[in-house]
C-alpha atoms as a PDB file:
ATOM      1  CA  MET A   1       0.030  -0.010   0.287  1.00  0.00           C
ATOM      2  CA  LYS A   2       1.142   3.376  -0.837  1.00  0.00           C
ATOM      3  CA  PHE A   3       2.342   5.431   2.061  1.00  0.00           C
ATOM      4  CA  ILE A   4       0.301   8.930   2.049  1.00  0.00           C
ATOM      5  CA  ASP A   5       1.556  11.287   4.607  1.00  0.00           C
ATOM      6  CA  SER A   6      -0.712  14.278   3.806  1.00  0.00           C
ATOM      7  CA  ALA A   7      -4.121  15.238   2.507  1.00  0.00           C
ATOM      8  CA  THR A   8      -6.066  18.149   2.311  1.00  0.00           C
ATOM      9  CA  ILE A   9     -10.070  17.833   2.690  1.00  0.00           C
ATOM     10  CA  ARG A  10     -13.397  19.604   3.335  1.00  0.00           C
ATOM     11  CA  VAL A  11     -15.177  18.978   6.559  1.00  0.00           C
ATOM     12  CA  THR A  12     -18.849  20.401   6.960  1.00  0.00           C
ATOM     13  CA  ALA A  13     -20.861  19.913  10.219  1.00  0.00           C
ATOM     14  CA  GLY A  14     -24.694  19.481  10.269  1.00  0.00           C
ATOM     15  CA  THR A  15     -26.833  22.047  10.430  1.00  0.00           C
ATOM     16  CA  GLY A  16     -29.094  22.103  13.208  1.00  0.00           C
ATOM     17  CA  GLY A  17     -32.974  21.271  12.933  1.00  0.00           C
ATOM     18  CA  SER A  18     -35.509  24.131  12.910  1.00  0.00           C
ATOM     19  CA  GLY A  19     -37.553  24.786  15.666  1.00  0.00           C
ATOM     20  CA  CYS A  20     -41.619  24.152  15.374  1.00  0.00           C
ATOM     21  CA  MET A  21     -44.574  26.051  15.342  1.00  0.00           C
ATOM     22  CA  SER A  22     -47.262  24.449  16.794  1.00  0.00           C
ATOM     23  CA  PHE A  23     -50.157  24.573  18.896  1.00  0.00           C
ATOM     24  CA  ARG A  24     -52.029  22.074  21.098  1.00  0.00           C
ATOM     25  CA  ARG A  25     -54.797  20.478  19.752  1.00  0.00           C
ATOM     26  CA  GLU A  26     -57.355  18.449  22.398  1.00  0.00           C
ATOM     27  CA  ALA A  27     -61.040  17.671  22.622  1.00  0.00           C
ATOM     28  CA  TYR A  28     -62.753  20.073  24.685  1.00  0.00           C
ATOM     29  CA  VAL A  29     -59.676  22.294  24.907  1.00  0.00           C
ATOM     30  CA  PRO A  30     -60.219  25.342  22.453  1.00  0.00           C
ATOM     31  CA  LYS A  31     -57.040  27.081  23.086  1.00  0.00           C
ATOM     32  CA  GLY A  32     -54.425  24.767  23.897  1.00  0.00           C
ATOM     33  CA  GLY A  33     -51.186  26.919  23.859  1.00  0.00           C
ATOM     34  CA  PRO A  34     -48.058  26.543  21.715  1.00  0.00           C
ATOM     35  CA  ASP A  35     -46.348  23.229  22.023  1.00  0.00           C
ATOM     36  CA  GLY A  36     -43.650  23.285  19.265  1.00  0.00           C
ATOM     37  CA  GLY A  37     -40.581  21.528  20.302  1.00  0.00           C
ATOM     38  CA  ASP A  38     -37.080  22.671  19.571  1.00  0.00           C
ATOM     39  CA  GLY A  39     -34.961  21.296  16.594  1.00  0.00           C
ATOM     40  CA  GLY A  40     -32.213  18.863  17.264  1.00  0.00           C
ATOM     41  CA  ARG A  41     -28.247  19.590  17.048  1.00  0.00           C
ATOM     42  CA  GLY A  42     -26.439  18.910  13.693  1.00  0.00           C
ATOM     43  CA  GLY A  43     -23.596  16.512  14.130  1.00  0.00           C
ATOM     44  CA  SER A  44     -20.005  17.817  14.333  1.00  0.00           C
ATOM     45  CA  VAL A  45     -16.883  16.508  12.734  1.00  0.00           C
ATOM     46  CA  PHE A  46     -13.904  15.003  14.717  1.00  0.00           C
ATOM     47  CA  VAL A  47     -10.250  13.952  13.566  1.00  0.00           C
ATOM     48  CA  ARG A  48      -9.611  10.364  15.799  1.00  0.00           C
ATOM     49  CA  ALA A  49      -6.561   8.880  16.069  1.00  0.00           C
ATOM     50  CA  ASP A  50      -7.170   4.999  14.802  1.00  0.00           C
ATOM     51  CA  ARG A  51      -4.505   2.643  15.663  1.00  0.00           C
ATOM     52  CA  HIS A  52      -5.134   0.157  12.681  1.00  0.00           C
ATOM     53  CA  LEU A  53      -4.203   2.841  10.138  1.00  0.00           C
ATOM     54  CA  SER A  54      -0.654   4.067   8.646  1.00  0.00           C
ATOM     55  CA  THR A  55      -1.511   6.251   5.918  1.00  0.00           C
ATOM     56  CA  LEU A  56      -3.911   9.102   4.889  1.00  0.00           C
ATOM     57  CA  LEU A  57      -4.664   7.147   1.523  1.00  0.00           C
ATOM     58  CA  ASP A  58      -8.215   7.265   2.292  1.00  0.00           C
ATOM     59  CA  TYR A  59      -8.640  11.095   1.988  1.00  0.00           C
ATOM     60  CA  ARG A  60      -6.529  11.434  -1.353  1.00  0.00           C
ATOM     61  CA  TYR A  61      -9.453  10.553  -3.486  1.00  0.00           C
ATOM     62  CA  LYS A  62     -12.482  11.296  -1.177  1.00  0.00           C
ATOM     63  CA  THR A  63     -11.793  15.013  -0.322  1.00  0.00           C
ATOM     64  CA  HIS A  64     -15.308  16.227   1.453  1.00  0.00           C
ATOM     65  CA  ARG A  65     -16.550  14.664   4.508  1.00  0.00           C
ATOM     66  CA  LYS A  66     -19.723  16.071   6.119  1.00  0.00           C
ATOM     67  CA  ALA A  67     -21.859  15.137   9.051  1.00  0.00           C
ATOM     68  CA  GLU A  68     -25.798  15.013   9.143  1.00  0.00           C
ATOM     69  CA  ARG A  69     -28.327  17.607  10.045  1.00  0.00           C
ATOM     70  CA  GLY A  70     -30.525  17.439  12.913  1.00  0.00           C
ATOM     71  CA  GLN A  71     -33.945  16.829  12.944  1.00  0.00           C
ATOM     72  CA  HIS A  72     -36.643  19.352  13.304  1.00  0.00           C
ATOM     73  CA  GLY A  73     -38.933  19.994  16.131  1.00  0.00           C
ATOM     74  CA  LYS A  74     -42.455  18.585  16.281  1.00  0.00           C
ATOM     75  CA  GLY A  75     -45.561  19.274  18.136  1.00  0.00           C
ATOM     76  CA  GLY A  76     -46.390  17.954  21.187  1.00  0.00           C
ATOM     77  CA  ASN A  77     -43.029  19.683  22.631  1.00  0.00           C
ATOM     78  CA  LYS A  78     -41.216  17.209  20.921  1.00  0.00           C
ATOM     79  CA  THR A  79     -37.389  18.067  20.300  1.00  0.00           C
ATOM     80  CA  GLY A  80     -35.691  16.980  16.659  1.00  0.00           C
ATOM     81  CA  LYS A  81     -33.232  14.231  17.404  1.00  0.00           C
ATOM     82  CA  SER A  82     -29.830  15.482  17.276  1.00  0.00           C
ATOM     83  CA  ALA A  83     -27.710  14.039  14.516  1.00  0.00           C
ATOM     84  CA  ASP A  84     -24.551  11.668  15.232  1.00  0.00           C
ATOM     85  CA  ASP A  85     -21.285  12.978  15.045  1.00  0.00           C
ATOM     86  CA  ALA A  86     -19.091  12.175  12.000  1.00  0.00           C
ATOM     87  CA  TYR A  87     -15.371  10.885  12.803  1.00  0.00           C
ATOM     88  CA  LEU A  88     -12.437  10.899  10.237  1.00  0.00           C
ATOM     89  CA  PRO A  89     -10.297   7.777  11.479  1.00  0.00           C
ATOM     90  CA  VAL A  90      -6.195   8.839  10.851  1.00  0.00           C
ATOM     91  CA  PRO A  91      -3.219   7.522  12.164  1.00  0.00           C
ATOM     92  CA  PRO A  92      -1.777   8.365  15.469  1.00  0.00           C
ATOM     93  CA  GLY A  93       0.946  11.122  14.723  1.00  0.00           C
ATOM     94  CA  THR A  94      -1.252  13.147  12.323  1.00  0.00           C
ATOM     95  CA  ALA A  95      -1.259  16.916  12.922  1.00  0.00           C
ATOM     96  CA  VAL A  96      -4.493  19.067  11.875  1.00  0.00           C
ATOM     97  CA  HIS A  97      -3.941  22.454   9.972  1.00  0.00           C
ATOM     98  CA  ASP A  98      -6.412  24.986   8.867  1.00  0.00           C
ATOM     99  CA  ALA A  99      -5.593  25.139   5.012  1.00  0.00           C
ATOM    100  CA  GLU A 100      -6.362  28.661   4.546  1.00  0.00           C
ATOM    101  CA  SER A 101      -4.421  30.361   7.495  1.00  0.00           C
ATOM    102  CA  GLY A 102      -2.078  27.313   8.265  1.00  0.00           C
ATOM    103  CA  GLU A 103      -2.824  27.657  11.903  1.00  0.00           C
ATOM    104  CA  LEU A 104      -2.182  24.462  13.717  1.00  0.00           C
ATOM    105  CA  LEU A 105      -5.568  23.166  15.020  1.00  0.00           C
ATOM    106  CA  GLY A 106      -4.398  20.438  16.981  1.00  0.00           C
ATOM    107  CA  GLU A 107      -2.669  16.733  17.218  1.00  0.00           C
ATOM    108  CA  VAL A 108      -3.838  13.571  17.677  1.00  0.00           C
ATOM    109  CA  LEU A 109      -1.045  11.531  18.956  1.00  0.00           C
ATOM    110  CA  GLN A 110      -2.158   8.478  20.887  1.00  0.00           C
ATOM    111  CA  PRO A 111      -4.858   5.715  19.909  1.00  0.00           C
ATOM    112  CA  GLY A 112      -8.371   7.314  20.570  1.00  0.00           C
ATOM    113  CA  ASP A 113      -7.397  10.866  20.711  1.00  0.00           C
ATOM    114  CA  GLU A 114     -10.029  13.284  19.136  1.00  0.00           C
ATOM    115  CA  LEU A 115      -9.899  16.788  17.599  1.00  0.00           C
ATOM    116  CA  LEU A 116     -12.723  18.865  17.063  1.00  0.00           C
ATOM    117  CA  VAL A 117     -12.579  20.415  13.503  1.00  0.00           C
ATOM    118  CA  ALA A 118     -16.117  21.445  12.623  1.00  0.00           C
ATOM    119  CA  LYS A 119     -18.724  22.297  15.192  1.00  0.00           C
ATOM    120  CA  GLY A 120     -22.392  20.995  14.579  1.00  0.00           C
ATOM    121  CA  GLY A 121     -25.033  23.699  14.415  1.00  0.00           C
ATOM    122  CA  ARG A 122     -27.423  24.405  17.350  1.00  0.00           C
ATOM    123  CA  GLY A 123     -31.308  23.658  16.905  1.00  0.00           C
ATOM    124  CA  GLY A 124     -33.563  26.319  16.712  1.00  0.00           C
ATOM    125  CA  ARG A 125     -36.164  26.966  19.308  1.00  0.00           C
ATOM    126  CA  GLY A 126     -39.925  26.022  18.590  1.00  0.00           C
ATOM    127  CA  ASN A 127     -42.661  28.439  19.492  1.00  0.00           C
ATOM    128  CA  ALA A 128     -43.105  26.934  22.887  1.00  0.00           C
ATOM    129  CA  ARG A 129     -40.121  28.737  23.911  1.00  0.00           C
ATOM    130  CA  PHE A 130     -41.492  32.462  23.060  1.00  0.00           C
ATOM    131  CA  ALA A 131     -44.324  32.050  25.289  1.00  0.00           C
ATOM    132  CA  SER A 132     -45.137  34.140  28.055  1.00  0.00           C
ATOM    133  CA  PRO A 133     -47.904  35.802  30.382  1.00  0.00           C
ATOM    134  CA  THR A 134     -48.495  38.402  28.140  1.00  0.00           C
ATOM    135  CA  HIS A 135     -47.611  36.552  24.644  1.00  0.00           C
ATOM    136  CA  GLN A 136     -49.734  33.282  25.227  1.00  0.00           C
ATOM    137  CA  ALA A 137     -49.728  32.594  21.786  1.00  0.00           C
ATOM    138  CA  PRO A 138     -46.446  33.099  19.822  1.00  0.00           C
ATOM    139  CA  ARG A 139     -46.090  32.164  16.331  1.00  0.00           C
ATOM    140  CA  GLU A 140     -42.024  32.855  16.232  1.00  0.00           C
ATOM    141  CA  TRP A 141     -39.710  29.579  15.644  1.00  0.00           C
ATOM    142  CA  GLU A 142     -36.298  29.789  14.957  1.00  0.00           C
ATOM    143  CA  PRO A 143     -34.500  27.880  11.900  1.00  0.00           C
ATOM    144  CA  GLY A 144     -31.479  25.825  13.123  1.00  0.00           C
ATOM    145  CA  VAL A 145     -27.956  27.320  13.159  1.00  0.00           C
ATOM    146  CA  GLN A 146     -25.611  26.456  10.174  1.00  0.00           C
ATOM    147  CA  GLY A 147     -22.935  23.886  11.091  1.00  0.00           C
ATOM    148  CA  GLY A 148     -18.988  24.583  11.001  1.00  0.00           C
ATOM    149  CA  GLU A 149     -17.252  24.275   7.564  1.00  0.00           C
ATOM    150  CA  ARG A 150     -13.519  24.608   6.712  1.00  0.00           C
ATOM    151  CA  THR A 151     -10.700  22.999   4.562  1.00  0.00           C
ATOM    152  CA  ILE A 152      -8.054  21.410   6.650  1.00  0.00           C
ATOM    153  CA  GLU A 153      -4.499  19.694   6.088  1.00  0.00           C
ATOM    154  CA  LEU A 154      -3.548  16.481   7.730  1.00  0.00           C
ATOM    155  CA  VAL A 155      -0.055  15.629   7.861  1.00  0.00           C
ATOM    156  CA  LEU A 156       0.946  12.514   9.254  1.00  0.00           C
ATOM    157  CA  LYS A 157       4.211  12.745  11.135  1.00  0.00           C
ATOM    158  CA  LEU A 158       5.571   9.032  11.726  1.00  0.00           C
ATOM    159  CA  ILE A 159       5.896   8.422  15.820  1.00  0.00           C
ATOM    160  CA  ALA A 160       9.118   6.011  16.015  1.00  0.00           C
ATOM    161  CA  ASP A 161      11.574   5.592  18.821  1.00  0.00           C
ATOM    162  CA  VAL A 162      14.750   5.916  16.438  1.00  0.00           C
ATOM    163  CA  GLY A 163      14.952   7.772  13.578  1.00  0.00           C
ATOM    164  CA  LEU A 164      18.036   6.981  10.733  1.00  0.00           C
ATOM    165  CA  VAL A 165      19.619  10.052   9.053  1.00  0.00           C
ATOM    166  CA  GLY A 166      22.016  10.018   6.001  1.00  0.00           C
ATOM    167  CA  GLU A 167      22.335  10.985   2.595  1.00  0.00           C
ATOM    168  CA  PRO A 168      20.983   8.585  -0.270  1.00  0.00           C
ATOM    169  CA  ASN A 169      22.838   5.356  -0.390  1.00  0.00           C
ATOM    170  CA  ALA A 170      24.223   5.555   3.238  1.00  0.00           C
ATOM    171  CA  GLY A 171      22.876   2.032   4.086  1.00  0.00           C
ATOM    172  CA  LYS A 172      19.677   3.108   5.979  1.00  0.00           C
ATOM    173  CA  SER A 173      17.409   0.419   4.195  1.00  0.00           C
ATOM    174  CA  THR A 174      20.013  -2.146   4.811  1.00  0.00           C
ATOM    175  CA  LEU A 175      20.258  -1.541   8.536  1.00  0.00           C
ATOM    176  CA  LEU A 176      16.673  -1.414   8.923  1.00  0.00           C
ATOM    177  CA  SER A 177      15.963  -4.850   7.080  1.00  0.00           C
ATOM    178  CA  VAL A 178      18.776  -6.436   9.273  1.00  0.00           C
ATOM    179  CA  VAL A 179      17.654  -5.470  12.690  1.00  0.00           C
ATOM    180  CA  SER A 180      13.999  -5.739  11.997  1.00  0.00           C
ATOM    181  CA  ALA A 181      11.313  -7.617   9.906  1.00  0.00           C
ATOM    182  CA  ALA A 182      11.149  -4.676   7.709  1.00  0.00           C
ATOM    183  CA  ARG A 183      11.984  -5.066   3.891  1.00  0.00           C
ATOM    184  CA  PRO A 184      12.582  -1.683   2.562  1.00  0.00           C
ATOM    185  CA  LYS A 185      13.557  -1.197  -1.118  1.00  0.00           C
ATOM    186  CA  ILE A 186      17.130  -1.424  -1.609  1.00  0.00           C
ATOM    187  CA  ALA A 187      19.228  -0.702  -4.627  1.00  0.00           C
ATOM    188  CA  GLU A 188      22.536   0.770  -5.583  1.00  0.00           C
ATOM    189  CA  TYR A 189      20.940   4.044  -7.038  1.00  0.00           C
ATOM    190  CA  PRO A 190      20.288   7.135  -5.020  1.00  0.00           C
ATOM    191  CA  PHE A 191      16.702   7.791  -3.575  1.00  0.00           C
ATOM    192  CA  THR A 192      15.577   4.271  -3.477  1.00  0.00           C
ATOM    193  CA  THR A 193      13.563   5.055  -0.223  1.00  0.00           C
ATOM    194  CA  LEU A 194      10.656   7.272  -1.550  1.00  0.00           C
ATOM    195  CA  GLU A 195       8.597   6.839   1.488  1.00  0.00           C
ATOM    196  CA  PRO A 196       9.345   6.186   5.290  1.00  0.00           C
ATOM    197  CA  GLN A 197       9.674   2.784   6.527  1.00  0.00           C
ATOM    198  CA  LEU A 198       9.252   1.334  10.140  1.00  0.00           C
ATOM    199  CA  GLY A 199      10.529  -1.333  11.738  1.00  0.00           C
ATOM    200  CA  VAL A 200      10.112  -3.039  15.250  1.00  0.00           C
ATOM    201  CA  VAL A 201      13.645  -3.803  16.611  1.00  0.00           C
ATOM    202  CA  GLY A 202      13.717  -6.585  19.415  1.00  0.00           C
ATOM    203  CA  LEU A 203      16.499  -7.110  21.769  1.00  0.00           C
ATOM    204  CA  GLY A 204      14.682  -9.945  23.823  1.00  0.00           C
ATOM    205  CA  VAL A 205      11.887 -10.444  26.019  1.00  0.00           C
ATOM    206  CA  GLY A 206      10.657  -6.694  27.097  1.00  0.00           C
ATOM    207  CA  ARG A 207      12.924  -4.779  24.974  1.00  0.00           C
ATOM    208  CA  SER A 208      11.801  -3.543  21.696  1.00  0.00           C
ATOM    209  CA  PHE A 209      11.599  -0.237  19.959  1.00  0.00           C
ATOM    210  CA  VAL A 210      10.359   1.270  16.557  1.00  0.00           C
ATOM    211  CA  MET A 211      13.115   2.396  13.809  1.00  0.00           C
ATOM    212  CA  ALA A 212      12.080   4.344  10.828  1.00  0.00           C
ATOM    213  CA  ASP A 213      13.836   4.525   7.921  1.00  0.00           C
ATOM    214  CA  ILE A 214      13.599   7.639   6.475  1.00  0.00           C
ATOM    215  CA  PRO A 215      14.127   9.239   2.790  1.00  0.00           C
ATOM    216  CA  GLY A 216      17.417  10.206   1.997  1.00  0.00           C
ATOM    217  CA  LEU A 217      19.000  13.783   3.272  1.00  0.00           C
ATOM    218  CA  ILE A 218      20.492  16.131   0.888  1.00  0.00           C
ATOM    219  CA  GLU A 219      22.013  19.751   1.225  1.00  0.00           C
ATOM    220  CA  GLY A 220      19.296  22.331   1.255  1.00  0.00           C
ATOM    221  CA  ALA A 221      16.350  19.644   2.455  1.00  0.00           C
ATOM    222  CA  HIS A 222      15.122  22.323   4.838  1.00  0.00           C
ATOM    223  CA  GLU A 223      14.434  24.576   2.095  1.00  0.00           C
ATOM    224  CA  GLY A 224      12.583  21.682   0.188  1.00  0.00           C
ATOM    225  CA  LYS A 225      15.218  20.296  -2.153  1.00  0.00           C
ATOM    226  CA  GLY A 226      15.238  16.512  -2.803  1.00  0.00           C
ATOM    227  CA  LEU A 227      12.664  15.185  -0.627  1.00  0.00           C
ATOM    228  CA  GLY A 228      12.689  18.246   1.643  1.00  0.00           C
ATOM    229  CA  HIS A 229      10.217  18.654   4.424  1.00  0.00           C
ATOM    230  CA  GLN A 230       8.531  15.082   3.276  1.00  0.00           C
ATOM    231  CA  PHE A 231      11.584  13.845   4.881  1.00  0.00           C
ATOM    232  CA  LEU A 232      12.609  16.176   7.687  1.00  0.00           C
ATOM    233  CA  GLN A 233       8.890  16.377   8.991  1.00  0.00           C
ATOM    234  CA  HIS A 234       9.226  12.873   9.985  1.00  0.00           C
ATOM    235  CA  ILE A 235      12.231  13.092  12.402  1.00  0.00           C
ATOM    236  CA  GLU A 236      10.331  15.459  14.550  1.00  0.00           C
ATOM    237  CA  ARG A 237       8.625  12.886  16.818  1.00  0.00           C
ATOM    238  CA  THR A 238      11.482  10.535  17.053  1.00  0.00           C
ATOM    239  CA  ARG A 239      13.236  10.627  20.395  1.00  0.00           C
ATOM    240  CA  VAL A 240      16.955   9.638  19.328  1.00  0.00           C
ATOM    241  CA  LEU A 241      18.269   9.791  15.779  1.00  0.00           C
ATOM    242  CA  ALA A 242      21.495   7.786  14.236  1.00  0.00           C
ATOM    243  CA  TYR A 243      23.379   9.795  11.615  1.00  0.00           C
ATOM    244  CA  LEU A 244      24.785   7.310   8.911  1.00  0.00           C
ATOM    245  CA  VAL A 245      28.105   7.924   7.546  1.00  0.00           C
ATOM    246  CA  PRO A 246      29.439   5.499   5.100  1.00  0.00           C
ATOM    247  CA  VAL A 247      32.930   5.192   5.197  1.00  0.00           C
ATOM    248  CA  ASP A 248      33.535   5.350   1.211  1.00  0.00           C
ATOM    249  CA  VAL A 249      32.250   8.903   1.062  1.00  0.00           C
ATOM    250  CA  GLU A 250      35.114  11.326   0.174  1.00  0.00           C
ATOM    251  CA  ASP A 251      34.914  13.541   3.452  1.00  0.00           C
ATOM    252  CA  PRO A 252      33.182  11.885   6.038  1.00  0.00           C
ATOM    253  CA  GLN A 253      33.656  14.312   8.541  1.00  0.00           C
ATOM    254  CA  ALA A 254      32.058  16.936   5.989  1.00  0.00           C
ATOM    255  CA  THR A 255      29.284  14.767   5.701  1.00  0.00           C
ATOM    256  CA  TYR A 256      28.352  14.693   8.857  1.00  0.00           C
ATOM    257  CA  GLU A 257      28.171  18.126   9.728  1.00  0.00           C
ATOM    258  CA  ALA A 258      26.242  18.732   6.554  1.00  0.00           C
ATOM    259  CA  LEU A 259      23.703  16.363   8.199  1.00  0.00           C
ATOM    260  CA  ARG A 260      23.854  18.113  11.380  1.00  0.00           C
ATOM    261  CA  ALA A 261      23.508  21.745   9.564  1.00  0.00           C
ATOM    262  CA  GLU A 262      20.264  20.583   7.816  1.00  0.00           C
ATOM    263  CA  ALA A 263      18.813  19.154  10.818  1.00  0.00           C
ATOM    264  CA  ARG A 264      19.598  22.716  12.815  1.00  0.00           C
ATOM    265  CA  ALA A 265      18.290  24.771   9.904  1.00  0.00           C
ATOM    266  CA  TYR A 266      14.830  22.869   9.673  1.00  0.00           C
ATOM    267  CA  ASP A 267      14.605  23.023  13.481  1.00  0.00           C
ATOM    268  CA  GLY A 268      16.604  23.424  16.212  1.00  0.00           C
ATOM    269  CA  ALA A 269      14.528  20.951  18.547  1.00  0.00           C
ATOM    270  CA  VAL A 270      15.483  18.398  16.259  1.00  0.00           C
ATOM    271  CA  ALA A 271      19.289  18.862  16.182  1.00  0.00           C
ATOM    272  CA  ALA A 272      19.087  18.933  19.930  1.00  0.00           C
ATOM    273  CA  LYS A 273      17.781  15.201  20.090  1.00  0.00           C
ATOM    274  CA  PRO A 274      19.965  12.458  21.558  1.00  0.00           C
ATOM    275  CA  HIS A 275      22.009  11.193  18.542  1.00  0.00           C
ATOM    276  CA  VAL A 276      24.827   8.862  17.750  1.00  0.00           C
ATOM    277  CA  VAL A 277      27.063   8.518  14.601  1.00  0.00           C
ATOM    278  CA  VAL A 278      27.203   5.235  12.654  1.00  0.00           C
ATOM    279  CA  LEU A 279      30.146   4.938  10.460  1.00  0.00           C
ATOM    280  CA  SER A 280      28.330   2.167   8.151  1.00  0.00           C
ATOM    281  CA  LYS A 281      29.880   0.094   5.370  1.00  0.00           C
ATOM    282  CA  ILE A 282      33.191  -0.904   6.968  1.00  0.00           C
ATOM    283  CA  ASP A 283      33.394  -4.124   5.143  1.00  0.00           C
ATOM    284  CA  LEU A 284      34.346  -1.930   2.194  1.00  0.00           C
ATOM    285  CA  LEU A 285      37.810  -0.933   4.134  1.00  0.00           C
ATOM    286  CA  ALA A 286      40.993  -2.859   3.447  1.00  0.00           C
ATOM    287  CA  PRO A 287      41.848  -5.755   5.906  1.00  0.00           C
ATOM    288  CA  GLY A 288      43.693  -3.789   8.931  1.00  0.00           C
ATOM    289  CA  GLU A 289      42.226  -0.433   7.614  1.00  0.00           C
ATOM    290  CA  GLU A 290      40.927   1.525  10.691  1.00  0.00           C
ATOM    291  CA  PRO A 291      37.398   3.443   9.961  1.00  0.00           C
ATOM    292  CA  PRO A 292      37.760   7.444   9.423  1.00  0.00           C
ATOM    293  CA  ALA A 293      38.003   9.317  12.497  1.00  0.00           C
ATOM    294  CA  ILE A 294      35.074  11.678  13.145  1.00  0.00           C
ATOM    295  CA  GLU A 295      34.700  14.965  15.555  1.00  0.00           C
ATOM    296  CA  ALA A 296      31.345  14.714  16.859  1.00  0.00           C
ATOM    297  CA  PRO A 297      31.432  16.177  20.447  1.00  0.00           C
ATOM    298  CA  GLU A 298      27.598  16.272  20.829  1.00  0.00           C
ATOM    299  CA  SER A 299      26.862  12.920  19.661  1.00  0.00           C
ATOM    300  CA  ARG A 300      26.629  10.192  22.468  1.00  0.00           C
ATOM    301  CA  GLY A 301      29.085   8.138  20.704  1.00  0.00           C
ATOM    302  CA  VAL A 302      30.570   7.213  17.065  1.00  0.00           C
ATOM    303  CA  LEU A 303      30.099   3.503  16.085  1.00  0.00           C
ATOM    304  CA  SER A 304      31.047   1.338  13.206  1.00  0.00           C
ATOM    305  CA  ILE A 305      29.260  -1.252  11.682  1.00  0.00           C
ATOM    306  CA  SER A 306      28.408  -3.432   8.586  1.00  0.00           C
ATOM    307  CA  SER A 307      24.921  -4.381   7.969  1.00  0.00           C
ATOM    308  CA  VAL A 308      25.844  -6.735   5.106  1.00  0.00           C
ATOM    309  CA  ALA A 309      28.727  -8.829   7.608  1.00  0.00           C
ATOM    310  CA  HIS A 310      26.392  -8.061  10.716  1.00  0.00           C
ATOM    311  CA  ARG A 311      29.441  -6.369  12.331  1.00  0.00           C
ATOM    312  CA  GLY A 312      28.792  -3.998  15.111  1.00  0.00           C
ATOM    313  CA  VAL A 313      25.002  -4.197  14.583  1.00  0.00           C
ATOM    314  CA  ASP A 314      24.116  -5.540  18.122  1.00  0.00           C
ATOM    315  CA  GLU A 315      26.413  -3.208  19.790  1.00  0.00           C
ATOM    316  CA  LEU A 316      24.565  -0.314  18.095  1.00  0.00           C
ATOM    317  CA  LYS A 317      21.037  -1.797  18.973  1.00  0.00           C
ATOM    318  CA  GLU A 318      22.079  -1.786  22.692  1.00  0.00           C
ATOM    319  CA  THR A 319      23.768   1.692  22.462  1.00  0.00           C
ATOM    320  CA  LEU A 320      20.236   2.909  20.827  1.00  0.00           C
ATOM    321  CA  TRP A 321      18.156   1.122  23.416  1.00  0.00           C
ATOM    322  CA  ARG A 322      20.422   2.838  26.238  1.00  0.00           C
ATOM    323  CA  LEU A 323      19.682   6.132  25.114  1.00  0.00           C
ATOM    324  CA  LEU A 324      16.086   5.414  24.767  1.00  0.00           C
ATOM    325  CA  VAL A 325      16.171   4.582  28.276  1.00  0.00           C
ATOM    326  CA  GLU A 326      18.014   7.678  29.168  1.00  0.00           C
ATOM    327  CA  SER A 327      15.630  10.002  27.826  1.00  0.00           C
ATOM    328  CA  GLY A 328      12.898   9.006  30.432  1.00  0.00           C
ATOM    329  CA  GLU A 329       9.792   7.353  28.540  1.00  0.00           C
ATOM    330  CA  SER A 330      10.244   3.411  27.768  1.00  0.00           C
ATOM    331  CA  PRO A 331       9.559   2.638  24.205  1.00  0.00           C
ATOM    332  CA  ASP A 332       6.217   1.095  23.486  1.00  0.00           C
ATOM    333  CA  GLU A 333       5.693  -0.326  19.900  1.00  0.00           C
ATOM    334  CA  GLU A 334       1.998  -0.839  20.649  1.00  0.00           C
ATOM    335  CA  THR A 335       1.105   2.795  20.062  1.00  0.00           C
ATOM    336  CA  VAL A 336       3.300   3.267  16.676  1.00  0.00           C
ATOM    337  CA  PRO A 337       1.311   2.804  13.356  1.00  0.00           C
ATOM    338  CA  LEU A 338       2.862   0.238  11.204  1.00  0.00           C
ATOM    339  CA  PRO A 339       2.951   0.284   7.723  1.00  0.00           C
END
């Protein structure tokens, strides 16, 4: 299934039912008085996080969702039935913006979280509401209030514990395929990963975390170059980052610093996340050759791995686990949408 991480839709809440104008009619009661009931409330529209969803594909083609209107009031002081609210299921981790102003309306992060995006209209009052000692036969009644309507933009930002950051062909997909059951596309040309991939990394009973392989980062990504914000938005909610630097690049130090610069340019909070530097593809080194030295004073360590030869992978998993524990919240893959 194709990964869709944004969608724009129109939402319309239900209009309230109109109030009723009615007078009591009963044998031997010639002037029964007003008994028109109120209209029912229109349905509101909510966005709700659903743990069984992993993309916004349902909203790519069906771009208008609306709730029903409330029923009109009836005679005998009968209030019209209020309409059911409409719920738009989305993956956990979805942010909701007003498409016209860009305002963030809210986020649904955990399964079951709800966000009101269009409020249903109030039902109109029936003529019984207008009766008074000096106005005993009112013929006034109110129409229902129109429901709210707006265009919203849904933006999915993956909820993962560890995010793999690196240039195209840094070895992120290969690493994810080795440490989890995920099977991302792997090839020898750039940008083989065009959409984020998630995998659950197991370290034994009671210890596991979710790792995200996110499309390759290039210089200028914070300005929209390459896959731009399509990449960067997905590392906002990761708790720990792993910067992958292949040992066969021309200047490993410059590559690492360029990755850090892009993260800082996009969001200082992203750059401030705990991170490790991972020198990948050490199987390409000549026998006895040492991995290149990288100065990374802000990192929690520099590790060398070969995903193909399974060298250093277990140490990397344990290091990432320790960083997650130090972050103060235990990883929980049960709250994460898996494609």
